[in-house]
Amino acid sequence: MRTTLTIDVDVRLLLERRMRERGINFEDAVNGALRDGLLGNAGPKEFSTPTFDLGEPLVPLQKASRLSGELEDEELLRRMAVRR
């Protein structure tokens, strides 16, 4: 079916991104986007971050906030010395 459709700028940009990412033409991008939206497939895909065992910590974590503050203070002092 042929039809004329006015597309908002933000939607056009999303369609162009879909075209680039999938290597498809405009018609396929529009049809795919409409199909995904009408079938409820438009939601974000499940995302998971891989985790890794880093072993035992090399510093006592009970004082991590104090250590972080000390390292930040040292960096601030170093930056102030460089500016002079």
Protein backbone atom coordinates (compact mmCIF):
# COMPACT_ATOMS: atom_id res chain seq x y z
CA MET A 1 0.00 0.00 0.00
CA ARG A 2 1.37 3.40 -0.93
CA THR A 3 0.65 6.39 1.28
CA THR A 4 2.04 9.81 2.15
CA LEU A 5 3.28 10.18 5.69
CA THR A 6 4.61 13.26 7.51
CA ILE A 7 7.37 12.23 9.90
CA ASP A 8 8.62 14.36 12.82
CA VAL A 9 12.33 15.22 12.88
CA ASP A 10 13.07 13.05 15.93
CA VAL A 11 11.35 10.05 14.32
CA ARG A 12 13.28 10.63 11.09
CA LEU A 13 16.54 10.56 13.04
CA LEU A 14 15.54 7.32 14.75
CA LEU A 15 14.63 5.78 11.40
CA GLU A 16 17.96 6.88 9.89
CA ARG A 17 19.81 5.31 12.82
CA ARG A 18 17.86 2.07 12.33
CA MET A 19 18.75 2.16 8.62
CA ARG A 20 22.46 2.58 9.38
CA GLU A 21 22.57 -0.04 12.14
CA ARG A 22 20.70 -2.68 10.15
CA GLY A 23 21.84 -1.77 6.65
CA ILE A 24 18.27 -1.46 5.40
CA ASN A 25 16.39 1.03 3.24
CA PHE A 26 13.84 3.61 4.40
CA GLU A 27 10.78 1.50 3.56
CA ASP A 28 12.07 -1.49 5.53
CA ALA A 29 12.99 0.75 8.48
CA VAL A 30 9.49 2.28 8.61
CA ASN A 31 7.75 -1.09 8.23
CA GLY A 32 9.95 -2.66 10.89
CA ALA A 33 9.40 0.20 13.33
CA LEU A 34 5.63 0.12 12.81
CA ARG A 35 5.56 -3.66 13.14
CA ASP A 36 7.62 -3.58 16.36
CA GLY A 37 5.41 -0.89 17.85
CA LEU A 38 2.11 -2.50 16.88
CA LEU A 39 3.17 -5.94 18.10
CA GLY A 40 4.57 -4.58 21.36
CA ASN A 41 8.18 -5.42 20.50
CA ALA A 42 9.39 -1.84 20.89
CA GLY A 43 10.50 -2.20 24.52
CA PRO A 44 14.14 -2.31 25.53
CA LYS A 45 15.90 -5.63 25.32
CA GLU A 46 17.10 -7.27 28.50
CA PHE A 47 20.59 -6.12 29.35
CA SER A 48 23.12 -7.78 31.59
CA THR A 49 26.62 -6.80 32.53
CA PRO A 50 29.24 -9.54 32.83
CA THR A 51 30.82 -9.94 36.25
CA PHE A 52 34.29 -11.17 37.14
CA ASP A 53 35.84 -12.41 40.36
CA LEU A 54 38.71 -10.04 41.14
CA GLY A 55 39.94 -12.00 44.13
CA GLU A 56 40.62 -10.68 47.60
CA PRO A 57 40.99 -6.89 47.98
CA LEU A 58 44.52 -5.56 48.49
CA VAL A 59 43.38 -2.81 50.88
CA PRO A 60 41.03 -3.04 53.86
CA LEU A 61 37.58 -2.11 52.55
CA GLN A 62 36.31 -1.13 56.01
CA LYS A 63 38.19 2.15 55.51
CA ALA A 64 37.48 2.60 51.79
CA SER A 65 35.79 5.99 52.22
CA ARG A 66 38.75 7.31 54.21
CA LEU A 67 41.21 6.00 51.63
CA SER A 68 39.18 7.56 48.83
CA GLY A 69 39.19 10.92 50.62
CA GLU A 70 42.94 10.77 51.17
CA LEU A 71 43.60 9.95 47.52
CA GLU A 72 41.32 12.78 46.42
CA ASP A 73 43.10 15.22 48.76
CA GLU A 74 46.49 14.17 47.38
CA GLU A 75 45.28 14.72 43.81
CA LEU A 76 43.89 18.17 44.64
CA LEU A 77 47.19 19.18 46.26
CA ARG A 78 49.11 17.89 43.23
CA ARG A 79 46.90 19.93 40.86
CA MET A 80 47.32 23.05 42.96
CA ALA A 81 51.11 22.63 42.91
CA VAL A 82 51.13 22.26 39.11
CA ARG A 83 49.20 25.52 38.66
CA ARG A 84 51.80 27.58 40.54
